[in-house]
Amino acid sequence: MDKSELTELQKEAINVIEKNNSVYQNELSEIIDCSKGYVSQLAIKLSENNFIKREKDNAGKYVLKPVKKDDPKDLDFSLLLAGNEISPFIRDDDVDIKGDRFTNWLMNLMYEE
């Protein structure tokens, strides 16, 4: 899901969470003036689509946190890997499509399960 597909209320919720760096789910319902049930469903959907993180604290309350897209833990590098070989296409200045490095990478990609 792309951010442009979100409703105005969902975008507002994300903005509040990003601005405050973290917000309790029950506080968010008061800030955006929606029922706790609606905000719960909204938070679940935003979390499933990786716009926010939804975590329980020690008291069992949900804390909503922004997802930092530049955080390496949130990035998916799987498309750059074939087996344990990294793609030779990360930098275009050294790519030789007839070279051994590319051939080995391609062979690993073909045989990956």
PDB file of N, CA and C in Angstrom:
ATOM      1  N   MET A   1       0.853  -1.177   0.000  1.00  0.00           N
ATOM      2  CA  MET A   1       0.000   0.000   0.000  1.00  0.00           C
ATOM      3  C   MET A   1       0.894   1.233   0.000  1.00  0.00           C
ATOM      4  N   ASP A   2       0.565   2.180  -0.816  1.00  0.00           N
ATOM      5  CA  ASP A   2       1.306   3.430  -0.935  1.00  0.00           C
ATOM      6  C   ASP A   2       0.655   4.501  -0.067  1.00  0.00           C
ATOM      7  N   LYS A   3       1.450   5.458   0.386  1.00  0.00           N
ATOM      8  CA  LYS A   3       0.925   6.507   1.268  1.00  0.00           C
ATOM      9  C   LYS A   3      -0.184   7.321   0.593  1.00  0.00           C
ATOM     10  N   SER A   4      -0.161   7.408  -0.738  1.00  0.00           N
ATOM     11  CA  SER A   4      -1.191   8.160  -1.458  1.00  0.00           C
ATOM     12  C   SER A   4      -2.558   7.468  -1.392  1.00  0.00           C
ATOM     13  N   GLU A   5      -2.578   6.182  -1.062  1.00  0.00           N
ATOM     14  CA  GLU A   5      -3.832   5.426  -0.970  1.00  0.00           C
ATOM     15  C   GLU A   5      -4.494   5.553   0.399  1.00  0.00           C
ATOM     16  N   LEU A   6      -3.853   6.206   1.346  1.00  0.00           N
ATOM     17  CA  LEU A   6      -4.391   6.337   2.693  1.00  0.00           C
ATOM     18  C   LEU A   6      -5.474   7.407   2.754  1.00  0.00           C
ATOM     19  N   THR A   7      -6.376   7.241   3.717  1.00  0.00           N
ATOM     20  CA  THR A   7      -7.409   8.257   3.949  1.00  0.00           C
ATOM     21  C   THR A   7      -6.772   9.440   4.671  1.00  0.00           C
ATOM     22  N   GLU A   8      -7.471  10.543   4.692  1.00  0.00           N
ATOM     23  CA  GLU A   8      -6.958  11.730   5.392  1.00  0.00           C
ATOM     24  C   GLU A   8      -6.769  11.450   6.881  1.00  0.00           C
ATOM     25  N   LEU A   9      -7.669  10.669   7.467  1.00  0.00           N
ATOM     26  CA  LEU A   9      -7.555  10.324   8.887  1.00  0.00           C
ATOM     27  C   LEU A   9      -6.330   9.453   9.152  1.00  0.00           C
ATOM     28  N   GLN A  10      -6.048   8.519   8.262  1.00  0.00           N
ATOM     29  CA  GLN A  10      -4.863   7.678   8.403  1.00  0.00           C
ATOM     30  C   GLN A  10      -3.592   8.530   8.285  1.00  0.00           C
ATOM     31  N   LYS A  11      -3.579   9.448   7.332  1.00  0.00           N
ATOM     32  CA  LYS A  11      -2.428  10.344   7.162  1.00  0.00           C
ATOM     33  C   LYS A  11      -2.255  11.229   8.400  1.00  0.00           C
ATOM     34  N   GLU A  12      -3.365  11.704   8.947  1.00  0.00           N
ATOM     35  CA  GLU A  12      -3.307  12.526  10.153  1.00  0.00           C
ATOM     36  C   GLU A  12      -2.727  11.726  11.317  1.00  0.00           C
ATOM     37  N   ALA A  13      -3.153  10.483  11.449  1.00  0.00           N
ATOM     38  CA  ALA A  13      -2.642   9.620  12.520  1.00  0.00           C
ATOM     39  C   ALA A  13      -1.134   9.412  12.375  1.00  0.00           C
ATOM     40  N   ILE A  14      -0.676   9.148  11.179  1.00  0.00           N
ATOM     41  CA  ILE A  14       0.758   8.967  10.936  1.00  0.00           C
ATOM     42  C   ILE A  14       1.515  10.239  11.288  1.00  0.00           C
ATOM     43  N   ASN A  15       0.980  11.384  10.890  1.00  0.00           N
ATOM     44  CA  ASN A  15       1.636  12.657  11.190  1.00  0.00           C
ATOM     45  C   ASN A  15       1.753  12.899  12.689  1.00  0.00           C
ATOM     46  N   VAL A  16       0.694  12.587  13.433  1.00  0.00           N
ATOM     47  CA  VAL A  16       0.718  12.752  14.896  1.00  0.00           C
ATOM     48  C   VAL A  16       1.781  11.836  15.508  1.00  0.00           C
ATOM     49  N   ILE A  17       1.827  10.601  15.039  1.00  0.00           N
ATOM     50  CA  ILE A  17       2.792   9.630  15.565  1.00  0.00           C
ATOM     51  C   ILE A  17       4.220  10.070  15.241  1.00  0.00           C
ATOM     52  N   GLU A  18       4.445  10.512  14.015  1.00  0.00           N
ATOM     53  CA  GLU A  18       5.785  10.961  13.619  1.00  0.00           C
ATOM     54  C   GLU A  18       6.204  12.216  14.374  1.00  0.00           C
ATOM     55  N   LYS A  19       5.264  13.137  14.554  1.00  0.00           N
ATOM     56  CA  LYS A  19       5.570  14.396  15.240  1.00  0.00           C
ATOM     57  C   LYS A  19       5.974  14.149  16.694  1.00  0.00           C
ATOM     58  N   ASN A  20       5.287  13.224  17.359  1.00  0.00           N
ATOM     59  CA  ASN A  20       5.533  12.939  18.782  1.00  0.00           C
ATOM     60  C   ASN A  20       6.549  11.813  19.004  1.00  0.00           C
ATOM     61  N   ASN A  21       6.951  11.156  17.947  1.00  0.00           N
ATOM     62  CA  ASN A  21       7.882  10.035  17.972  1.00  0.00           C
ATOM     63  C   ASN A  21       7.300   8.765  18.584  1.00  0.00           C
ATOM     64  N   SER A  22       6.282   8.884  19.406  1.00  0.00           N
ATOM     65  CA  SER A  22       5.502   7.741  19.884  1.00  0.00           C
ATOM     66  C   SER A  22       4.257   8.278  20.578  1.00  0.00           C
ATOM     67  N   VAL A  23       3.176   7.532  20.449  1.00  0.00           N
ATOM     68  CA  VAL A  23       1.896   7.930  21.030  1.00  0.00           C
ATOM     69  C   VAL A  23       1.193   6.663  21.504  1.00  0.00           C
ATOM     70  N   TYR A  24       0.595   6.733  22.685  1.00  0.00           N
ATOM     71  CA  TYR A  24      -0.251   5.620  23.115  1.00  0.00           C
ATOM     72  C   TYR A  24      -1.497   5.600  22.240  1.00  0.00           C
ATOM     73  N   GLN A  25      -1.938   4.393  21.929  1.00  0.00           N
ATOM     74  CA  GLN A  25      -3.096   4.231  21.055  1.00  0.00           C
ATOM     75  C   GLN A  25      -4.319   4.948  21.612  1.00  0.00           C
ATOM     76  N   ASN A  26      -4.540   4.866  22.924  1.00  0.00           N
ATOM     77  CA  ASN A  26      -5.721   5.520  23.519  1.00  0.00           C
ATOM     78  C   ASN A  26      -5.595   7.049  23.442  1.00  0.00           C
ATOM     79  N   GLU A  27      -4.372   7.580  23.516  1.00  0.00           N
ATOM     80  CA  GLU A  27      -4.175   9.022  23.368  1.00  0.00           C
ATOM     81  C   GLU A  27      -4.457   9.463  21.938  1.00  0.00           C
ATOM     82  N   LEU A  28      -4.081   8.636  20.979  1.00  0.00           N
ATOM     83  CA  LEU A  28      -4.317   8.965  19.578  1.00  0.00           C
ATOM     84  C   LEU A  28      -5.809   9.101  19.293  1.00  0.00           C
ATOM     85  N   SER A  29      -6.620   8.259  19.929  1.00  0.00           N
ATOM     86  CA  SER A  29      -8.071   8.348  19.707  1.00  0.00           C
ATOM     87  C   SER A  29      -8.611   9.698  20.171  1.00  0.00           C
ATOM     88  N   GLU A  30      -8.037  10.247  21.235  1.00  0.00           N
ATOM     89  CA  GLU A  30      -8.456  11.568  21.707  1.00  0.00           C
ATOM     90  C   GLU A  30      -7.938  12.680  20.787  1.00  0.00           C
ATOM     91  N   ILE A  31      -6.709  12.542  20.316  1.00  0.00           N
ATOM     92  CA  ILE A  31      -6.099  13.581  19.482  1.00  0.00           C
ATOM     93  C   ILE A  31      -6.822  13.719  18.141  1.00  0.00           C
ATOM     94  N   ILE A  32      -7.148  12.585  17.519  1.00  0.00           N
ATOM     95  CA  ILE A  32      -7.807  12.659  16.204  1.00  0.00           C
ATOM     96  C   ILE A  32      -9.326  12.536  16.312  1.00  0.00           C
ATOM     97  N   ASP A  33      -9.824  12.486  17.560  1.00  0.00           N
ATOM     98  CA  ASP A  33     -11.259  12.489  17.844  1.00  0.00           C
ATOM     99  C   ASP A  33     -12.004  11.336  17.171  1.00  0.00           C
ATOM    100  N   CYS A  34     -11.551  10.120  17.474  1.00  0.00           N
ATOM    101  CA  CYS A  34     -12.199   8.906  16.969  1.00  0.00           C
ATOM    102  C   CYS A  34     -12.334   7.915  18.113  1.00  0.00           C
ATOM    103  N   SER A  35     -13.222   6.961  17.929  1.00  0.00           N
ATOM    104  CA  SER A  35     -13.420   5.959  18.972  1.00  0.00           C
ATOM    105  C   SER A  35     -12.171   5.095  19.117  1.00  0.00           C
ATOM    106  N   LYS A  36     -12.001   4.515  20.296  1.00  0.00           N
ATOM    107  CA  LYS A  36     -10.845   3.663  20.566  1.00  0.00           C
ATOM    108  C   LYS A  36     -10.845   2.430  19.660  1.00  0.00           C
ATOM    109  N   GLY A  37     -12.031   1.909  19.385  1.00  0.00           N
ATOM    110  CA  GLY A  37     -12.146   0.751  18.497  1.00  0.00           C
ATOM    111  C   GLY A  37     -11.701   1.071  17.080  1.00  0.00           C
ATOM    112  N   TYR A  38     -12.128   2.242  16.597  1.00  0.00           N
ATOM    113  CA  TYR A  38     -11.741   2.659  15.244  1.00  0.00           C
ATOM    114  C   TYR A  38     -10.228   2.865  15.162  1.00  0.00           C
ATOM    115  N   VAL A  39      -9.652   3.519  16.180  1.00  0.00           N
ATOM    116  CA  VAL A  39      -8.211   3.778  16.188  1.00  0.00           C
ATOM    117  C   VAL A  39      -7.441   2.459  16.292  1.00  0.00           C
ATOM    118  N   SER A  40      -7.984   1.484  17.010  1.00  0.00           N
ATOM    119  CA  SER A  40      -7.351   0.181  17.096  1.00  0.00           C
ATOM    120  C   SER A  40      -7.260  -0.455  15.708  1.00  0.00           C
ATOM    121  N   GLN A  41      -8.363  -0.446  14.965  1.00  0.00           N
ATOM    122  CA  GLN A  41      -8.366  -1.010  13.616  1.00  0.00           C
ATOM    123  C   GLN A  41      -7.445  -0.223  12.678  1.00  0.00           C
ATOM    124  N   LEU A  42      -7.455   1.098  12.814  1.00  0.00           N
ATOM    125  CA  LEU A  42      -6.596   1.966  12.015  1.00  0.00           C
ATOM    126  C   LEU A  42      -5.121   1.639  12.292  1.00  0.00           C
ATOM    127  N   ALA A  43      -4.767   1.493  13.566  1.00  0.00           N
ATOM    128  CA  ALA A  43      -3.386   1.200  13.955  1.00  0.00           C
ATOM    129  C   ALA A  43      -2.950  -0.170  13.444  1.00  0.00           C
ATOM    130  N   ILE A  44      -3.838  -1.142  13.514  1.00  0.00           N
ATOM    131  CA  ILE A  44      -3.515  -2.481  13.004  1.00  0.00           C
ATOM    132  C   ILE A  44      -3.224  -2.414  11.511  1.00  0.00           C
ATOM    133  N   LYS A  45      -4.068  -1.713  10.773  1.00  0.00           N
ATOM    134  CA  LYS A  45      -3.884  -1.609   9.318  1.00  0.00           C
ATOM    135  C   LYS A  45      -2.591  -0.873   8.981  1.00  0.00           C
ATOM    136  N   LEU A  46      -2.317   0.230   9.676  1.00  0.00           N
ATOM    137  CA  LEU A  46      -1.090   0.985   9.405  1.00  0.00           C
ATOM    138  C   LEU A  46       0.144   0.165   9.763  1.00  0.00           C
ATOM    139  N   SER A  47       0.036  -0.629  10.816  1.00  0.00           N
ATOM    140  CA  SER A  47       1.144  -1.489  11.227  1.00  0.00           C
ATOM    141  C   SER A  47       1.379  -2.607  10.207  1.00  0.00           C
ATOM    142  N   GLU A  48       0.314  -3.231   9.749  1.00  0.00           N
ATOM    143  CA  GLU A  48       0.432  -4.304   8.754  1.00  0.00           C
ATOM    144  C   GLU A  48       1.040  -3.802   7.453  1.00  0.00           C
ATOM    145  N   ASN A  49       0.799  -2.529   7.126  1.00  0.00           N
ATOM    146  CA  ASN A  49       1.334  -1.950   5.896  1.00  0.00           C
ATOM    147  C   ASN A  49       2.646  -1.208   6.123  1.00  0.00           C
ATOM    148  N   ASN A  50       3.245  -1.417   7.297  1.00  0.00           N
ATOM    149  CA  ASN A  50       4.568  -0.908   7.644  1.00  0.00           C
ATOM    150  C   ASN A  50       4.686   0.625   7.649  1.00  0.00           C
ATOM    151  N   PHE A  51       3.616   1.299   8.018  1.00  0.00           N
ATOM    152  CA  PHE A  51       3.668   2.751   8.189  1.00  0.00           C
ATOM    153  C   PHE A  51       4.038   3.115   9.623  1.00  0.00           C
ATOM    154  N   ILE A  52       3.651   2.248  10.569  1.00  0.00           N
ATOM    155  CA  ILE A  52       3.951   2.468  11.983  1.00  0.00           C
ATOM    156  C   ILE A  52       4.308   1.133  12.634  1.00  0.00           C
ATOM    157  N   LYS A  53       4.860   1.214  13.834  1.00  0.00           N
ATOM    158  CA  LYS A  53       5.068   0.029  14.664  1.00  0.00           C
ATOM    159  C   LYS A  53       4.061   0.100  15.804  1.00  0.00           C
ATOM    160  N   ARG A  54       3.453  -1.017  16.124  1.00  0.00           N
ATOM    161  CA  ARG A  54       2.458  -1.100  17.201  1.00  0.00           C
ATOM    162  C   ARG A  54       2.962  -2.122  18.201  1.00  0.00           C
ATOM    163  N   GLU A  55       3.381  -1.628  19.379  1.00  0.00           N
ATOM    164  CA  GLU A  55       3.981  -2.497  20.378  1.00  0.00           C
ATOM    165  C   GLU A  55       3.280  -2.345  21.717  1.00  0.00           C
ATOM    166  N   LYS A  56       3.235  -3.443  22.493  1.00  0.00           N
ATOM    167  CA  LYS A  56       2.680  -3.381  23.846  1.00  0.00           C
ATOM    168  C   LYS A  56       3.772  -2.973  24.815  1.00  0.00           C
ATOM    169  N   ASP A  57       3.411  -2.096  25.747  1.00  0.00           N
ATOM    170  CA  ASP A  57       4.360  -1.741  26.805  1.00  0.00           C
ATOM    171  C   ASP A  57       4.199  -2.726  27.964  1.00  0.00           C
ATOM    172  N   ASN A  58       4.898  -2.497  29.056  1.00  0.00           N
ATOM    173  CA  ASN A  58       4.841  -3.412  30.213  1.00  0.00           C
ATOM    174  C   ASN A  58       3.467  -3.468  30.864  1.00  0.00           C
ATOM    175  N   ALA A  59       2.674  -2.407  30.706  1.00  0.00           N
ATOM    176  CA  ALA A  59       1.336  -2.376  31.291  1.00  0.00           C
ATOM    177  C   ALA A  59       0.275  -2.945  30.351  1.00  0.00           C
ATOM    178  N   GLY A  60       0.683  -3.386  29.156  1.00  0.00           N
ATOM    179  CA  GLY A  60      -0.264  -3.965  28.203  1.00  0.00           C
ATOM    180  C   GLY A  60      -0.933  -2.939  27.309  1.00  0.00           C
ATOM    181  N   LYS A  61      -0.484  -1.687  27.355  1.00  0.00           N
ATOM    182  CA  LYS A  61      -1.040  -0.647  26.484  1.00  0.00           C
ATOM    183  C   LYS A  61      -0.239  -0.599  25.197  1.00  0.00           C
ATOM    184  N   TYR A  62      -0.935  -0.264  24.103  1.00  0.00           N
ATOM    185  CA  TYR A  62      -0.255  -0.183  22.813  1.00  0.00           C
ATOM    186  C   TYR A  62       0.395   1.179  22.620  1.00  0.00           C
ATOM    187  N   VAL A  63       1.660   1.122  22.216  1.00  0.00           N
ATOM    188  CA  VAL A  63       2.420   2.319  21.881  1.00  0.00           C
ATOM    189  C   VAL A  63       2.615   2.295  20.369  1.00  0.00           C
ATOM    190  N   LEU A  64       2.302   3.407  19.724  1.00  0.00           N
ATOM    191  CA  LEU A  64       2.448   3.516  18.281  1.00  0.00           C
ATOM    192  C   LEU A  64       3.685   4.354  17.988  1.00  0.00           C
ATOM    193  N   LYS A  65       4.560   3.816  17.147  1.00  0.00           N
ATOM    194  CA  LYS A  65       5.807   4.496  16.829  1.00  0.00           C
ATOM    195  C   LYS A  65       5.960   4.585  15.315  1.00  0.00           C
ATOM    196  N   PRO A  66       6.627   5.642  14.855  1.00  0.00           N
ATOM    197  CA  PRO A  66       6.836   5.749  13.401  1.00  0.00           C
ATOM    198  C   PRO A  66       7.859   4.722  12.927  1.00  0.00           C
ATOM    199  N   VAL A  67       7.718   4.320  11.680  1.00  0.00           N
ATOM    200  CA  VAL A  67       8.706   3.454  11.059  1.00  0.00           C
ATOM    201  C   VAL A  67       9.686   4.370  10.345  1.00  0.00           C
ATOM    202  N   LYS A  68      10.929   4.260  10.738  1.00  0.00           N
ATOM    203  CA  LYS A  68      11.972   5.054  10.099  1.00  0.00           C
ATOM    204  C   LYS A  68      12.473   4.275   8.893  1.00  0.00           C
ATOM    205  N   LYS A  69      12.159   4.758   7.717  1.00  0.00           N
ATOM    206  CA  LYS A  69      12.483   4.042   6.486  1.00  0.00           C
ATOM    207  C   LYS A  69      13.985   3.928   6.239  1.00  0.00           C
ATOM    208  N   ASP A  70      14.764   4.806   6.839  1.00  0.00           N
ATOM    209  CA  ASP A  70      16.202   4.740   6.629  1.00  0.00           C
ATOM    210  C   ASP A  70      16.901   3.842   7.651  1.00  0.00           C
ATOM    211  N   ASP A  71      16.138   3.232   8.528  1.00  0.00           N
ATOM    212  CA  ASP A  71      16.693   2.317   9.508  1.00  0.00           C
ATOM    213  C   ASP A  71      17.005   0.990   8.805  1.00  0.00           C
ATOM    214  N   PRO A  72      18.260   0.527   8.815  1.00  0.00           N
ATOM    215  CA  PRO A  72      18.607  -0.706   8.106  1.00  0.00           C
ATOM    216  C   PRO A  72      17.780  -1.910   8.527  1.00  0.00           C
ATOM    217  N   LYS A  73      17.267  -1.935   9.766  1.00  0.00           N
ATOM    218  CA  LYS A  73      16.436  -3.059  10.206  1.00  0.00           C
ATOM    219  C   LYS A  73      15.122  -3.114   9.430  1.00  0.00           C
ATOM    220  N   ASP A  74      14.686  -1.976   8.868  1.00  0.00           N
ATOM    221  CA  ASP A  74      13.408  -1.931   8.169  1.00  0.00           C
ATOM    222  C   ASP A  74      13.543  -2.097   6.658  1.00  0.00           C
ATOM    223  N   LEU A  75      14.760  -2.236   6.173  1.00  0.00           N
ATOM    224  CA  LEU A  75      14.987  -2.380   4.742  1.00  0.00           C
ATOM    225  C   LEU A  75      15.062  -3.850   4.359  1.00  0.00           C
ATOM    226  N   ASP A  76      14.614  -4.148   3.160  1.00  0.00           N
ATOM    227  CA  ASP A  76      14.638  -5.512   2.655  1.00  0.00           C
ATOM    228  C   ASP A  76      15.715  -5.617   1.579  1.00  0.00           C
ATOM    229  N   PHE A  77      16.793  -6.306   1.899  1.00  0.00           N
ATOM    230  CA  PHE A  77      17.899  -6.459   0.966  1.00  0.00           C
ATOM    231  C   PHE A  77      17.834  -7.777   0.201  1.00  0.00           C
ATOM    232  N   SER A  78      16.760  -8.520   0.351  1.00  0.00           N
ATOM    233  CA  SER A  78      16.692  -9.849  -0.236  1.00  0.00           C
ATOM    234  C   SER A  78      16.809  -9.830  -1.761  1.00  0.00           C
ATOM    235  N   LEU A  79      16.369  -8.767  -2.414  1.00  0.00           N
ATOM    236  CA  LEU A  79      16.455  -8.713  -3.868  1.00  0.00           C
ATOM    237  C   LEU A  79      17.887  -8.505  -4.360  1.00  0.00           C
ATOM    238  N   LEU A  80      18.783  -8.125  -3.476  1.00  0.00           N
ATOM    239  CA  LEU A  80      20.182  -7.938  -3.850  1.00  0.00           C
ATOM    240  C   LEU A  80      21.005  -9.208  -3.672  1.00  0.00           C
ATOM    241  N   LEU A  81      20.392 -10.232  -3.085  1.00  0.00           N
ATOM    242  CA  LEU A  81      21.132 -11.445  -2.763  1.00  0.00           C
ATOM    243  C   LEU A  81      20.728 -12.623  -3.627  1.00  0.00           C
ATOM    244  N   ALA A  82      21.710 -13.419  -3.947  1.00  0.00           N
ATOM    245  CA  ALA A  82      21.483 -14.729  -4.562  1.00  0.00           C
ATOM    246  C   ALA A  82      22.318 -15.681  -3.737  1.00  0.00           C
ATOM    247  N   GLY A  83      21.669 -16.494  -2.931  1.00  0.00           N
ATOM    248  CA  GLY A  83      22.401 -17.289  -1.955  1.00  0.00           C
ATOM    249  C   GLY A  83      23.015 -16.332  -0.958  1.00  0.00           C
ATOM    250  N   ASN A  84      24.321 -16.386  -0.803  1.00  0.00           N
ATOM    251  CA  ASN A  84      24.984 -15.408   0.057  1.00  0.00           C
ATOM    252  C   ASN A  84      25.861 -14.459  -0.760  1.00  0.00           C
ATOM    253  N   GLU A  85      25.611 -14.400  -2.055  1.00  0.00           N
ATOM    254  CA  GLU A  85      26.328 -13.493  -2.964  1.00  0.00           C
ATOM    255  C   GLU A  85      25.504 -12.233  -3.173  1.00  0.00           C
ATOM    256  N   ILE A  86      26.150 -11.080  -3.037  1.00  0.00           N
ATOM    257  CA  ILE A  86      25.454  -9.814  -3.255  1.00  0.00           C
ATOM    258  C   ILE A  86      25.508  -9.454  -4.742  1.00  0.00           C
ATOM    259  N   SER A  87      24.478  -8.779  -5.213  1.00  0.00           N
ATOM    260  CA  SER A  87      24.365  -8.420  -6.619  1.00  0.00           C
ATOM    261  C   SER A  87      25.532  -7.560  -7.093  1.00  0.00           C
ATOM    262  N   PRO A  88      26.073  -7.875  -8.263  1.00  0.00           N
ATOM    263  CA  PRO A  88      27.122  -7.028  -8.831  1.00  0.00           C
ATOM    264  C   PRO A  88      26.560  -5.743  -9.428  1.00  0.00           C
ATOM    265  N   PHE A  89      25.260  -5.561  -9.389  1.00  0.00           N
ATOM    266  CA  PHE A  89      24.642  -4.374  -9.977  1.00  0.00           C
ATOM    267  C   PHE A  89      24.435  -3.239  -8.988  1.00  0.00           C
ATOM    268  N   ILE A  90      25.017  -3.322  -7.812  1.00  0.00           N
ATOM    269  CA  ILE A  90      24.875  -2.229  -6.854  1.00  0.00           C
ATOM    270  C   ILE A  90      25.556  -0.982  -7.392  1.00  0.00           C
ATOM    271  N   ARG A  91      26.716  -1.164  -7.958  1.00  0.00           N
ATOM    272  CA  ARG A  91      27.425  -0.055  -8.605  1.00  0.00           C
ATOM    273  C   ARG A  91      27.560  -0.421 -10.072  1.00  0.00           C
ATOM    274  N   ASP A  92      27.240   0.502 -10.943  1.00  0.00           N
ATOM    275  CA  ASP A  92      27.265   0.177 -12.370  1.00  0.00           C
ATOM    276  C   ASP A  92      28.627   0.369 -13.033  1.00  0.00           C
ATOM    277  N   ASP A  93      29.635   0.857 -12.313  1.00  0.00           N
ATOM    278  CA  ASP A  93      30.922   1.125 -12.942  1.00  0.00           C
ATOM    279  C   ASP A  93      31.794  -0.120 -13.098  1.00  0.00           C
ATOM    280  N   ASP A  94      31.530  -1.195 -12.372  1.00  0.00           N
ATOM    281  CA  ASP A  94      32.361  -2.390 -12.438  1.00  0.00           C
ATOM    282  C   ASP A  94      31.637  -3.605 -13.008  1.00  0.00           C
ATOM    283  N   VAL A  95      30.470  -3.443 -13.583  1.00  0.00           N
ATOM    284  CA  VAL A  95      29.688  -4.589 -14.021  1.00  0.00           C
ATOM    285  C   VAL A  95      30.186  -5.087 -15.371  1.00  0.00           C
ATOM    286  N   ASP A  96      30.536  -6.357 -15.381  1.00  0.00           N
ATOM    287  CA  ASP A  96      30.940  -7.029 -16.610  1.00  0.00           C
ATOM    288  C   ASP A  96      30.027  -8.231 -16.757  1.00  0.00           C
ATOM    289  N   ILE A  97      29.031  -8.137 -17.640  1.00  0.00           N
ATOM    290  CA  ILE A  97      28.040  -9.209 -17.741  1.00  0.00           C
ATOM    291  C   ILE A  97      28.625 -10.508 -18.287  1.00  0.00           C
ATOM    292  N   LYS A  98      29.840 -10.462 -18.800  1.00  0.00           N
ATOM    293  CA  LYS A  98      30.505 -11.680 -19.274  1.00  0.00           C
ATOM    294  C   LYS A  98      31.522 -12.194 -18.256  1.00  0.00           C
ATOM    295  N   GLY A  99      31.631 -11.511 -17.128  1.00  0.00           N
ATOM    296  CA  GLY A  99      32.626 -11.872 -16.119  1.00  0.00           C
ATOM    297  C   GLY A  99      32.159 -12.958 -15.178  1.00  0.00           C
ATOM    298  N   ASP A 100      33.126 -13.530 -14.469  1.00  0.00           N
ATOM    299  CA  ASP A 100      32.857 -14.617 -13.519  1.00  0.00           C
ATOM    300  C   ASP A 100      31.971 -14.158 -12.363  1.00  0.00           C
ATOM    301  N   ARG A 101      32.182 -12.958 -11.882  1.00  0.00           N
ATOM    302  CA  ARG A 101      31.413 -12.466 -10.735  1.00  0.00           C
ATOM    303  C   ARG A 101      29.920 -12.441 -11.049  1.00  0.00           C
ATOM    304  N   PHE A 102      29.573 -11.933 -12.218  1.00  0.00           N
ATOM    305  CA  PHE A 102      28.164 -11.879 -12.613  1.00  0.00           C
ATOM    306  C   PHE A 102      27.619 -13.287 -12.837  1.00  0.00           C
ATOM    307  N   THR A 103      28.394 -14.130 -13.488  1.00  0.00           N
ATOM    308  CA  THR A 103      27.949 -15.501 -13.764  1.00  0.00           C
ATOM    309  C   THR A 103      27.686 -16.264 -12.468  1.00  0.00           C
ATOM    310  N   ASN A 104      28.599 -16.147 -11.511  1.00  0.00           N
ATOM    311  CA  ASN A 104      28.412 -16.821 -10.217  1.00  0.00           C
ATOM    312  C   ASN A 104      27.163 -16.320  -9.513  1.00  0.00           C
ATOM    313  N   TRP A 105      26.960 -15.008  -9.517  1.00  0.00           N
ATOM    314  CA  TRP A 105      25.778 -14.430  -8.878  1.00  0.00           C
ATOM    315  C   TRP A 105      24.509 -14.943  -9.547  1.00  0.00           C
ATOM    316  N   LEU A 106      24.498 -14.947 -10.876  1.00  0.00           N
ATOM    317  CA  LEU A 106      23.328 -15.401 -11.627  1.00  0.00           C
ATOM    318  C   LEU A 106      23.045 -16.879 -11.370  1.00  0.00           C
ATOM    319  N   MET A 107      24.084 -17.679 -11.305  1.00  0.00           N
ATOM    320  CA  MET A 107      23.890 -19.109 -11.034  1.00  0.00           C
ATOM    321  C   MET A 107      23.310 -19.315  -9.631  1.00  0.00           C
ATOM    322  N   ASN A 108      23.776 -18.556  -8.662  1.00  0.00           N
ATOM    323  CA  ASN A 108      23.215 -18.647  -7.311  1.00  0.00           C
ATOM    324  C   ASN A 108      21.751 -18.243  -7.307  1.00  0.00           C
ATOM    325  N   LEU A 109      21.409 -17.242  -8.091  1.00  0.00           N
ATOM    326  CA  LEU A 109      20.029 -16.785  -8.166  1.00  0.00           C
ATOM    327  C   LEU A 109      19.130 -17.866  -8.761  1.00  0.00           C
ATOM    328  N   MET A 110      19.617 -18.532  -9.775  1.00  0.00           N
ATOM    329  CA  MET A 110      18.830 -19.567 -10.466  1.00  0.00           C
ATOM    330  C   MET A 110      18.561 -20.760  -9.558  1.00  0.00           C
ATOM    331  N   TYR A 111      19.504 -21.089  -8.677  1.00  0.00           N
ATOM    332  CA  TYR A 111      19.363 -22.282  -7.859  1.00  0.00           C
ATOM    333  C   TYR A 111      18.829 -22.039  -6.469  1.00  0.00           C
ATOM    334  N   GLU A 112      18.425 -20.801  -6.205  1.00  0.00           N
ATOM    335  CA  GLU A 112      17.895 -20.489  -4.881  1.00  0.00           C
ATOM    336  C   GLU A 112      16.484 -21.048  -4.750  1.00  0.00           C
ATOM    337  N   GLU A 113      16.154 -21.506  -3.560  1.00  0.00           N
ATOM    338  CA  GLU A 113      14.819 -22.071  -3.314  1.00  0.00           C
ATOM    339  C   GLU A 113      13.916 -21.077  -2.691  1.00  0.00           C
TER     340      GLU A 113
END
